[in-house]
Amino acid sequence: MGHPRPLDHEPFYRPLPADEDGIERFAPSPSTISLWAETMQHGSPPAALLVRALERCCPRENTRLTRVSVEILGPVPLTEIRVRSWIERPGRNIELVAGELLADPGDGTFRPVASARGWRMAAGDTTAVESAYDPPMPAGDGTARGFDWGVSGGYLDAVDWHWVSTPGTAEPGRAWIRTRAALVADEPLSQMQNLFAVVDVANGVGSKLDFRKWTFLNTDLTVHLHRVPVGDWIGISAETSVGPDGVGMCAGILYDESGPVGRSAQTVLVRSR
């Protein structure tokens, strides 16, 4: 889909010296700022940072994350972030890895603001029966163009957008997205980190609501992957359903340029402005 990605925006996070317990510490940059409020981070950078922690927790060759669930426990502030991870359920072929982000709410203590759990499985050769049944998504024309959300700066300026569908219309929301910012300064992104650096925007891709009249914040994100994505661009085809009592649900199909790689789901809190 065009030229190689230019990582020309400030990295989402800069590492700080680890604390006495070895817990990693990071300083978030303005690239993480949410479109909902200038005092909180967009959901994708924290989700990708959690995936980084899961990948680095007691890594083993020939294994990979297959499902990751992220719980957003509250607004993730633009202050120091601490990250820890652990094996919650060990196993030779299947294990459950967990992690959490902690932040200072302003009183000098550090409390969890987001958590994640990922099933990590041993790889095996199934190329003889490889299949994917989700419909293909049209490729972009290589032109990176955005959508006027009515706001600018922060996370929205740190990603490239190519819309396949017309946003806000009755058709499913479809867009190709790639991050222009590294996750952690001076570190390459893994393919999983690259996906999670953008996948939380599925809620916005699938929404039919007018951003100027409604808010629709997701409280969680679950991603199932039957294949590890390859390349810079991540495709999202998403639809958000809204119930009568202020709750919605966004379901998405995830792609790389070779085809579908998995699905995502988010619970959405919908409120009139």
C-alpha atoms as a PDB file:
ATOM      1  CA  MET A   1       0.000   0.000   0.000  1.00  0.00           C
ATOM      2  CA  GLY A   2       2.534   2.558  -1.048  1.00  0.00           C
ATOM      3  CA  HIS A   3       5.753   3.744   0.492  1.00  0.00           C
ATOM      4  CA  PRO A   4       7.388   2.343   3.641  1.00  0.00           C
ATOM      5  CA  ARG A   5       6.090   3.824   6.848  1.00  0.00           C
ATOM      6  CA  PRO A   6       7.838   6.977   8.074  1.00  0.00           C
ATOM      7  CA  LEU A   7       8.141   6.817  11.869  1.00  0.00           C
ATOM      8  CA  ASP A   8       8.333  10.594  11.958  1.00  0.00           C
ATOM      9  CA  HIS A   9       6.207  11.325  15.031  1.00  0.00           C
ATOM     10  CA  GLU A  10       7.405  11.412  18.600  1.00  0.00           C
ATOM     11  CA  PRO A  11       7.400   7.870  20.072  1.00  0.00           C
ATOM     12  CA  PHE A  12       4.397   7.052  22.220  1.00  0.00           C
ATOM     13  CA  TYR A  13       6.638   6.320  25.223  1.00  0.00           C
ATOM     14  CA  ARG A  14      10.145   7.046  26.385  1.00  0.00           C
ATOM     15  CA  PRO A  15      11.712   4.587  28.862  1.00  0.00           C
ATOM     16  CA  LEU A  16      12.682   5.707  32.348  1.00  0.00           C
ATOM     17  CA  PRO A  17      15.067   3.860  34.696  1.00  0.00           C
ATOM     18  CA  ALA A  18      13.419   0.757  36.169  1.00  0.00           C
ATOM     19  CA  ASP A  19      12.445   0.961  39.832  1.00  0.00           C
ATOM     20  CA  GLU A  20      14.029  -1.042  42.630  1.00  0.00           C
ATOM     21  CA  ASP A  21      11.762  -4.028  41.944  1.00  0.00           C
ATOM     22  CA  GLY A  22      12.675  -4.101  38.261  1.00  0.00           C
ATOM     23  CA  ILE A  23       9.272  -2.781  37.158  1.00  0.00           C
ATOM     24  CA  GLU A  24       9.544  -0.889  33.855  1.00  0.00           C
ATOM     25  CA  ARG A  25       8.721   2.821  33.856  1.00  0.00           C
ATOM     26  CA  PHE A  26       7.735   5.028  30.921  1.00  0.00           C
ATOM     27  CA  ALA A  27       6.962   8.666  30.197  1.00  0.00           C
ATOM     28  CA  PRO A  28       4.078   9.072  27.727  1.00  0.00           C
ATOM     29  CA  SER A  29       4.465  11.637  24.949  1.00  0.00           C
ATOM     30  CA  PRO A  30       1.851  13.977  23.410  1.00  0.00           C
ATOM     31  CA  SER A  31       1.442  11.360  20.645  1.00  0.00           C
ATOM     32  CA  THR A  32      -0.668   9.317  23.104  1.00  0.00           C
ATOM     33  CA  ILE A  33      -3.268  12.065  23.770  1.00  0.00           C
ATOM     34  CA  SER A  34      -6.872  10.911  23.322  1.00  0.00           C
ATOM     35  CA  LEU A  35      -9.389  12.660  21.086  1.00  0.00           C
ATOM     36  CA  TRP A  36     -11.813  12.602  24.052  1.00  0.00           C
ATOM     37  CA  ALA A  37      -9.726  14.698  26.448  1.00  0.00           C
ATOM     38  CA  GLU A  38      -6.251  16.241  26.494  1.00  0.00           C
ATOM     39  CA  THR A  39      -5.640  14.829  29.982  1.00  0.00           C
ATOM     40  CA  MET A  40      -5.874  11.142  29.038  1.00  0.00           C
ATOM     41  CA  GLN A  41      -4.260   8.683  26.647  1.00  0.00           C
ATOM     42  CA  HIS A  42      -5.911   7.088  23.653  1.00  0.00           C
ATOM     43  CA  GLY A  43      -6.570   3.396  24.214  1.00  0.00           C
ATOM     44  CA  SER A  44      -4.238   2.020  21.537  1.00  0.00           C
ATOM     45  CA  PRO A  45      -0.807   3.022  22.942  1.00  0.00           C
ATOM     46  CA  PRO A  46      -1.509   1.537  26.419  1.00  0.00           C
ATOM     47  CA  ALA A  47      -2.881  -1.622  24.785  1.00  0.00           C
ATOM     48  CA  ALA A  48       0.269  -1.969  22.683  1.00  0.00           C
ATOM     49  CA  LEU A  49       2.465  -1.342  25.738  1.00  0.00           C
ATOM     50  CA  LEU A  50       0.635  -4.138  27.558  1.00  0.00           C
ATOM     51  CA  VAL A  51       1.165  -6.472  24.592  1.00  0.00           C
ATOM     52  CA  ARG A  52       4.869  -5.613  24.701  1.00  0.00           C
ATOM     53  CA  ALA A  53       4.888  -6.652  28.375  1.00  0.00           C
ATOM     54  CA  LEU A  54       3.080  -9.919  27.595  1.00  0.00           C
ATOM     55  CA  GLU A  55       5.535 -10.729  24.800  1.00  0.00           C
ATOM     56  CA  ARG A  56       8.535 -10.082  27.068  1.00  0.00           C
ATOM     57  CA  CYS A  57       7.215 -12.087  30.000  1.00  0.00           C
ATOM     58  CA  CYS A  58       9.226 -15.356  30.156  1.00  0.00           C
ATOM     59  CA  PRO A  59       9.377 -15.598  26.339  1.00  0.00           C
ATOM     60  CA  ARG A  60       9.772 -18.975  24.665  1.00  0.00           C
ATOM     61  CA  GLU A  61      10.617 -19.802  21.060  1.00  0.00           C
ATOM     62  CA  ASN A  62       7.875 -21.095  18.758  1.00  0.00           C
ATOM     63  CA  THR A  63       5.027 -19.639  20.828  1.00  0.00           C
ATOM     64  CA  ARG A  64       2.780 -16.662  20.166  1.00  0.00           C
ATOM     65  CA  LEU A  65      -0.120 -14.713  21.602  1.00  0.00           C
ATOM     66  CA  THR A  66      -3.427 -15.890  20.156  1.00  0.00           C
ATOM     67  CA  ARG A  67      -5.973 -13.889  22.156  1.00  0.00           C
ATOM     68  CA  VAL A  68      -5.469 -10.714  24.155  1.00  0.00           C
ATOM     69  CA  SER A  69      -8.102  -9.042  26.304  1.00  0.00           C
ATOM     70  CA  VAL A  70      -7.508  -5.522  27.607  1.00  0.00           C
ATOM     71  CA  GLU A  71      -9.522  -3.950  30.417  1.00  0.00           C
ATOM     72  CA  ILE A  72      -9.436  -0.162  30.692  1.00  0.00           C
ATOM     73  CA  LEU A  73      -9.902   0.452  34.405  1.00  0.00           C
ATOM     74  CA  GLY A  74     -10.085   4.234  34.128  1.00  0.00           C
ATOM     75  CA  PRO A  75      -8.594   7.156  32.201  1.00  0.00           C
ATOM     76  CA  VAL A  76      -4.901   6.524  31.576  1.00  0.00           C
ATOM     77  CA  PRO A  77      -3.241   9.829  32.558  1.00  0.00           C
ATOM     78  CA  LEU A  78      -0.366  11.585  30.822  1.00  0.00           C
ATOM     79  CA  THR A  79       1.951  10.876  33.740  1.00  0.00           C
ATOM     80  CA  GLU A  80       4.562   8.235  34.500  1.00  0.00           C
ATOM     81  CA  ILE A  81       3.399   4.727  33.629  1.00  0.00           C
ATOM     82  CA  ARG A  82       4.698   1.576  35.314  1.00  0.00           C
ATOM     83  CA  VAL A  83       4.344  -1.849  33.741  1.00  0.00           C
ATOM     84  CA  ARG A  84       4.569  -5.314  35.224  1.00  0.00           C
ATOM     85  CA  SER A  85       3.710  -8.777  33.894  1.00  0.00           C
ATOM     86  CA  TRP A  86       3.592 -12.364  35.092  1.00  0.00           C
ATOM     87  CA  ILE A  87       2.600 -15.900  34.103  1.00  0.00           C
ATOM     88  CA  GLU A  88      -0.857 -16.489  35.493  1.00  0.00           C
ATOM     89  CA  ARG A  89      -1.303 -20.042  34.279  1.00  0.00           C
ATOM     90  CA  PRO A  90       1.842 -21.891  33.150  1.00  0.00           C
ATOM     91  CA  GLY A  91       1.738 -24.656  30.565  1.00  0.00           C
ATOM     92  CA  ARG A  92       3.871 -26.394  27.953  1.00  0.00           C
ATOM     93  CA  ASN A  93       1.490 -25.829  25.021  1.00  0.00           C
ATOM     94  CA  ILE A  94      -0.926 -23.238  26.420  1.00  0.00           C
ATOM     95  CA  GLU A  95      -0.226 -20.599  29.046  1.00  0.00           C
ATOM     96  CA  LEU A  96      -1.953 -17.464  30.287  1.00  0.00           C
ATOM     97  CA  VAL A  97       0.179 -14.321  30.557  1.00  0.00           C
ATOM     98  CA  ALA A  98      -1.016 -11.232  32.442  1.00  0.00           C
ATOM     99  CA  GLY A  99       0.105  -7.634  32.796  1.00  0.00           C
ATOM    100  CA  GLU A 100      -0.998  -4.283  34.121  1.00  0.00           C
ATOM    101  CA  LEU A 101      -0.255  -0.590  33.760  1.00  0.00           C
ATOM    102  CA  LEU A 102      -0.047   1.520  36.894  1.00  0.00           C
ATOM    103  CA  ALA A 103      -0.213   5.315  37.128  1.00  0.00           C
ATOM    104  CA  ASP A 104      -0.135   7.956  39.839  1.00  0.00           C
ATOM    105  CA  PRO A 105      -3.638   9.463  40.244  1.00  0.00           C
ATOM    106  CA  GLY A 106      -2.110  12.521  41.875  1.00  0.00           C
ATOM    107  CA  ASP A 107      -1.578  11.405  45.470  1.00  0.00           C
ATOM    108  CA  GLY A 108       1.847   9.813  45.038  1.00  0.00           C
ATOM    109  CA  THR A 109       0.588   6.231  44.855  1.00  0.00           C
ATOM    110  CA  PHE A 110       0.545   4.005  41.776  1.00  0.00           C
ATOM    111  CA  ARG A 111      -2.684   2.162  40.979  1.00  0.00           C
ATOM    112  CA  PRO A 112      -3.735  -0.073  38.051  1.00  0.00           C
ATOM    113  CA  VAL A 113      -5.318   1.869  35.182  1.00  0.00           C
ATOM    114  CA  ALA A 114      -5.342  -0.943  32.590  1.00  0.00           C
ATOM    115  CA  SER A 115      -4.731  -4.667  32.552  1.00  0.00           C
ATOM    116  CA  ALA A 116      -4.375  -7.419  29.965  1.00  0.00           C
ATOM    117  CA  ARG A 117      -4.403 -11.173  29.720  1.00  0.00           C
ATOM    118  CA  GLY A 118      -3.186 -13.158  26.769  1.00  0.00           C
ATOM    119  CA  TRP A 119      -3.326 -16.805  25.839  1.00  0.00           C
ATOM    120  CA  ARG A 120       0.068 -17.856  24.495  1.00  0.00           C
ATOM    121  CA  MET A 121       0.215 -21.104  22.564  1.00  0.00           C
ATOM    122  CA  ALA A 122       2.939 -23.291  21.111  1.00  0.00           C
ATOM    123  CA  ALA A 123       3.130 -23.088  17.333  1.00  0.00           C
ATOM    124  CA  GLY A 124       2.608 -26.081  15.036  1.00  0.00           C
ATOM    125  CA  ASP A 125       2.537 -26.694  11.283  1.00  0.00           C
ATOM    126  CA  THR A 126      -1.006 -26.356   9.902  1.00  0.00           C
ATOM    127  CA  THR A 127      -0.145 -24.917   6.483  1.00  0.00           C
ATOM    128  CA  ALA A 128      -1.871 -27.899   4.807  1.00  0.00           C
ATOM    129  CA  VAL A 129      -5.238 -26.834   6.232  1.00  0.00           C
ATOM    130  CA  GLU A 130      -4.754 -23.050   6.468  1.00  0.00           C
ATOM    131  CA  SER A 131      -7.980 -21.145   5.747  1.00  0.00           C
ATOM    132  CA  ALA A 132      -9.740 -17.837   6.422  1.00  0.00           C
ATOM    133  CA  TYR A 133     -13.454 -17.318   5.871  1.00  0.00           C
ATOM    134  CA  ASP A 134     -13.911 -13.589   6.448  1.00  0.00           C
ATOM    135  CA  PRO A 135     -14.496 -11.599   3.235  1.00  0.00           C
ATOM    136  CA  PRO A 136     -11.563  -9.720   1.714  1.00  0.00           C
ATOM    137  CA  MET A 137     -11.204  -5.978   2.199  1.00  0.00           C
ATOM    138  CA  PRO A 138     -10.330  -3.698  -0.730  1.00  0.00           C
ATOM    139  CA  ALA A 139      -6.758  -2.504  -0.772  1.00  0.00           C
ATOM    140  CA  GLY A 140      -6.002   1.165  -0.462  1.00  0.00           C
ATOM    141  CA  ASP A 141      -4.529   3.163  -3.320  1.00  0.00           C
ATOM    142  CA  GLY A 142      -1.444   4.102  -1.323  1.00  0.00           C
ATOM    143  CA  THR A 143      -2.791   7.525  -0.440  1.00  0.00           C
ATOM    144  CA  ALA A 144      -2.752   8.289   3.281  1.00  0.00           C
ATOM    145  CA  ARG A 145      -5.659  10.568   4.070  1.00  0.00           C
ATOM    146  CA  GLY A 146      -7.600  11.228   7.229  1.00  0.00           C
ATOM    147  CA  PHE A 147     -11.082  12.039   8.433  1.00  0.00           C
ATOM    148  CA  ASP A 148     -12.178  15.261  10.095  1.00  0.00           C
ATOM    149  CA  TRP A 149     -13.055  14.264  13.665  1.00  0.00           C
ATOM    150  CA  GLY A 150     -13.375  17.923  14.632  1.00  0.00           C
ATOM    151  CA  VAL A 151     -10.165  17.693  16.678  1.00  0.00           C
ATOM    152  CA  SER A 152      -6.491  17.414  15.810  1.00  0.00           C
ATOM    153  CA  GLY A 153      -3.183  16.621  17.418  1.00  0.00           C
ATOM    154  CA  GLY A 154      -2.264  13.829  19.793  1.00  0.00           C
ATOM    155  CA  TYR A 155      -2.892  10.275  18.715  1.00  0.00           C
ATOM    156  CA  LEU A 156      -4.876  11.235  15.601  1.00  0.00           C
ATOM    157  CA  ASP A 157      -1.810  12.935  14.124  1.00  0.00           C
ATOM    158  CA  ALA A 158       0.397   9.956  14.990  1.00  0.00           C
ATOM    159  CA  VAL A 159      -1.398   7.579  12.594  1.00  0.00           C
ATOM    160  CA  ASP A 160      -2.106   7.480   8.855  1.00  0.00           C
ATOM    161  CA  TRP A 161      -5.655   6.758   7.730  1.00  0.00           C
ATOM    162  CA  HIS A 162      -6.939   5.479   4.413  1.00  0.00           C
ATOM    163  CA  TRP A 163     -10.726   5.175   4.421  1.00  0.00           C
ATOM    164  CA  VAL A 164     -12.200   2.537   2.115  1.00  0.00           C
ATOM    165  CA  SER A 165     -15.800   3.371   3.048  1.00  0.00           C
ATOM    166  CA  THR A 166     -17.411   6.752   3.672  1.00  0.00           C
ATOM    167  CA  PRO A 167     -17.357   7.376   7.445  1.00  0.00           C
ATOM    168  CA  GLY A 168     -20.727   7.642   9.179  1.00  0.00           C
ATOM    169  CA  THR A 169     -22.772   6.049   6.381  1.00  0.00           C
ATOM    170  CA  ALA A 170     -24.896   2.890   6.569  1.00  0.00           C
ATOM    171  CA  GLU A 171     -22.156   0.664   5.123  1.00  0.00           C
ATOM    172  CA  PRO A 172     -19.659  -1.006   7.454  1.00  0.00           C
ATOM    173  CA  GLY A 173     -16.805   1.262   8.467  1.00  0.00           C
ATOM    174  CA  ARG A 174     -13.637   0.194   6.651  1.00  0.00           C
ATOM    175  CA  ALA A 175     -10.214   1.770   6.886  1.00  0.00           C
ATOM    176  CA  TRP A 176      -6.525   0.986   6.593  1.00  0.00           C
ATOM    177  CA  ILE A 177      -4.422   2.444   9.403  1.00  0.00           C
ATOM    178  CA  ARG A 178      -0.733   2.554  10.284  1.00  0.00           C
ATOM    179  CA  THR A 179       1.105   4.198  13.134  1.00  0.00           C
ATOM    180  CA  ARG A 180       3.681   6.874  12.385  1.00  0.00           C
ATOM    181  CA  ALA A 181       5.137   6.649  15.909  1.00  0.00           C
ATOM    182  CA  ALA A 182       7.326   4.004  17.501  1.00  0.00           C
ATOM    183  CA  LEU A 183       5.805   2.423  20.589  1.00  0.00           C
ATOM    184  CA  VAL A 184       8.935   2.871  22.740  1.00  0.00           C
ATOM    185  CA  ALA A 185      11.747   5.193  21.712  1.00  0.00           C
ATOM    186  CA  ASP A 186      14.599   3.469  19.838  1.00  0.00           C
ATOM    187  CA  GLU A 187      12.765   0.126  19.692  1.00  0.00           C
ATOM    188  CA  PRO A 188      11.304  -1.580  16.608  1.00  0.00           C
ATOM    189  CA  LEU A 189       7.666  -2.608  16.863  1.00  0.00           C
ATOM    190  CA  SER A 190       6.842  -6.295  16.820  1.00  0.00           C
ATOM    191  CA  GLN A 191       4.011  -7.270  14.491  1.00  0.00           C
ATOM    192  CA  MET A 192       1.687  -7.731  17.480  1.00  0.00           C
ATOM    193  CA  GLN A 193       2.638  -4.350  18.926  1.00  0.00           C
ATOM    194  CA  ASN A 194       2.072  -2.770  15.510  1.00  0.00           C
ATOM    195  CA  LEU A 195      -1.482  -4.135  15.383  1.00  0.00           C
ATOM    196  CA  PHE A 196      -2.370  -3.112  18.937  1.00  0.00           C
ATOM    197  CA  ALA A 197      -0.959   0.372  18.321  1.00  0.00           C
ATOM    198  CA  VAL A 198      -4.005   1.001  16.086  1.00  0.00           C
ATOM    199  CA  VAL A 199      -6.680  -1.645  16.733  1.00  0.00           C
ATOM    200  CA  ASP A 200      -8.480   0.270  19.495  1.00  0.00           C
ATOM    201  CA  VAL A 201      -9.727   2.706  16.817  1.00  0.00           C
ATOM    202  CA  ALA A 202     -12.175   0.031  15.585  1.00  0.00           C
ATOM    203  CA  ASN A 203     -14.774   1.682  17.802  1.00  0.00           C
ATOM    204  CA  GLY A 204     -14.377   4.919  15.835  1.00  0.00           C
ATOM    205  CA  VAL A 205     -14.186   3.169  12.455  1.00  0.00           C
ATOM    206  CA  GLY A 206     -17.462   1.343  13.095  1.00  0.00           C
ATOM    207  CA  SER A 207     -19.418   4.180  14.689  1.00  0.00           C
ATOM    208  CA  LYS A 208     -22.299   5.883  12.883  1.00  0.00           C
ATOM    209  CA  LEU A 209     -22.691   8.537  15.603  1.00  0.00           C
ATOM    210  CA  ASP A 210     -21.834  12.193  15.143  1.00  0.00           C
ATOM    211  CA  PHE A 211     -18.693  12.819  17.199  1.00  0.00           C
ATOM    212  CA  ARG A 212     -19.864  16.385  17.866  1.00  0.00           C
ATOM    213  CA  LYS A 213     -23.107  15.164  19.475  1.00  0.00           C
ATOM    214  CA  TRP A 214     -22.170  11.851  21.108  1.00  0.00           C
ATOM    215  CA  THR A 215     -19.337  10.256  23.042  1.00  0.00           C
ATOM    216  CA  PHE A 216     -18.671   6.519  22.672  1.00  0.00           C
ATOM    217  CA  LEU A 217     -15.817   5.345  24.865  1.00  0.00           C
ATOM    218  CA  ASN A 218     -14.899   1.678  25.012  1.00  0.00           C
ATOM    219  CA  THR A 219     -14.164   0.023  28.332  1.00  0.00           C
ATOM    220  CA  ASP A 220     -12.367  -3.018  26.949  1.00  0.00           C
ATOM    221  CA  LEU A 221     -10.809  -4.618  23.890  1.00  0.00           C
ATOM    222  CA  THR A 222     -10.592  -8.295  22.976  1.00  0.00           C
ATOM    223  CA  VAL A 223      -8.624  -9.504  19.955  1.00  0.00           C
ATOM    224  CA  HIS A 224      -8.522 -13.064  18.595  1.00  0.00           C
ATOM    225  CA  LEU A 225      -5.854 -13.762  15.952  1.00  0.00           C
ATOM    226  CA  HIS A 226      -5.672 -16.870  13.789  1.00  0.00           C
ATOM    227  CA  ARG A 227      -2.601 -15.436  12.037  1.00  0.00           C
ATOM    228  CA  VAL A 228       0.098 -12.942  13.006  1.00  0.00           C
ATOM    229  CA  PRO A 229      -0.271  -9.833  10.810  1.00  0.00           C
ATOM    230  CA  VAL A 230       2.558  -8.827   8.494  1.00  0.00           C
ATOM    231  CA  GLY A 231       3.442  -5.338   7.292  1.00  0.00           C
ATOM    232  CA  ASP A 232       2.777  -1.768   8.390  1.00  0.00           C
ATOM    233  CA  TRP A 233      -0.880  -1.307   7.418  1.00  0.00           C
ATOM    234  CA  ILE A 234      -3.706  -2.823   9.477  1.00  0.00           C
ATOM    235  CA  GLY A 235      -7.162  -3.035   7.934  1.00  0.00           C
ATOM    236  CA  ILE A 236     -10.279  -2.754  10.076  1.00  0.00           C
ATOM    237  CA  SER A 237     -13.850  -3.465   8.994  1.00  0.00           C
ATOM    238  CA  ALA A 238     -16.104  -2.652  11.939  1.00  0.00           C
ATOM    239  CA  GLU A 239     -19.717  -2.048  12.892  1.00  0.00           C
ATOM    240  CA  THR A 240     -21.009  -0.640  16.174  1.00  0.00           C
ATOM    241  CA  SER A 241     -24.463  -1.553  17.452  1.00  0.00           C
ATOM    242  CA  VAL A 242     -26.094   0.684  20.071  1.00  0.00           C
ATOM    243  CA  GLY A 243     -28.807  -0.469  22.480  1.00  0.00           C
ATOM    244  CA  PRO A 244     -31.591   1.659  24.004  1.00  0.00           C
ATOM    245  CA  ASP A 245     -29.889   2.128  27.388  1.00  0.00           C
ATOM    246  CA  GLY A 246     -26.557   3.795  26.633  1.00  0.00           C
ATOM    247  CA  VAL A 247     -24.507   0.680  25.860  1.00  0.00           C
ATOM    248  CA  GLY A 248     -23.046  -0.367  22.517  1.00  0.00           C
ATOM    249  CA  MET A 249     -20.854  -3.099  21.100  1.00  0.00           C
ATOM    250  CA  CYS A 250     -18.294  -2.819  18.317  1.00  0.00           C
ATOM    251  CA  ALA A 251     -17.320  -5.920  16.322  1.00  0.00           C
ATOM    252  CA  GLY A 252     -14.459  -5.782  13.856  1.00  0.00           C
ATOM    253  CA  ILE A 253     -12.602  -7.915  11.320  1.00  0.00           C
ATOM    254  CA  LEU A 254      -8.843  -7.306  11.224  1.00  0.00           C
ATOM    255  CA  TYR A 255      -6.624  -7.531   8.135  1.00  0.00           C
ATOM    256  CA  ASP A 256      -3.125  -7.186   6.829  1.00  0.00           C
ATOM    257  CA  GLU A 257      -2.441  -6.741   3.129  1.00  0.00           C
ATOM    258  CA  SER A 258      -2.601 -10.519   2.564  1.00  0.00           C
ATOM    259  CA  GLY A 259      -6.088 -10.949   4.034  1.00  0.00           C
ATOM    260  CA  PRO A 260      -7.968 -11.389   7.315  1.00  0.00           C
ATOM    261  CA  VAL A 261      -5.976 -12.134  10.465  1.00  0.00           C
ATOM    262  CA  GLY A 262      -8.583 -12.076  13.251  1.00  0.00           C
ATOM    263  CA  ARG A 263     -11.434 -10.264  14.962  1.00  0.00           C
ATOM    264  CA  SER A 264     -11.937  -7.687  17.693  1.00  0.00           C
ATOM    265  CA  ALA A 265     -14.757  -6.751  20.079  1.00  0.00           C
ATOM    266  CA  GLN A 266     -15.312  -3.752  22.358  1.00  0.00           C
ATOM    267  CA  THR A 267     -17.991  -2.705  24.840  1.00  0.00           C
ATOM    268  CA  VAL A 268     -18.963   0.946  24.346  1.00  0.00           C
ATOM    269  CA  LEU A 269     -20.422   3.494  26.765  1.00  0.00           C
ATOM    270  CA  VAL A 270     -22.599   5.846  24.677  1.00  0.00           C
ATOM    271  CA  ARG A 271     -23.620   9.282  25.979  1.00  0.00           C
ATOM    272  CA  SER A 272     -25.116  12.430  24.501  1.00  0.00           C
ATOM    273  CA  ARG A 273     -22.905  15.495  24.743  1.00  0.00           C
END
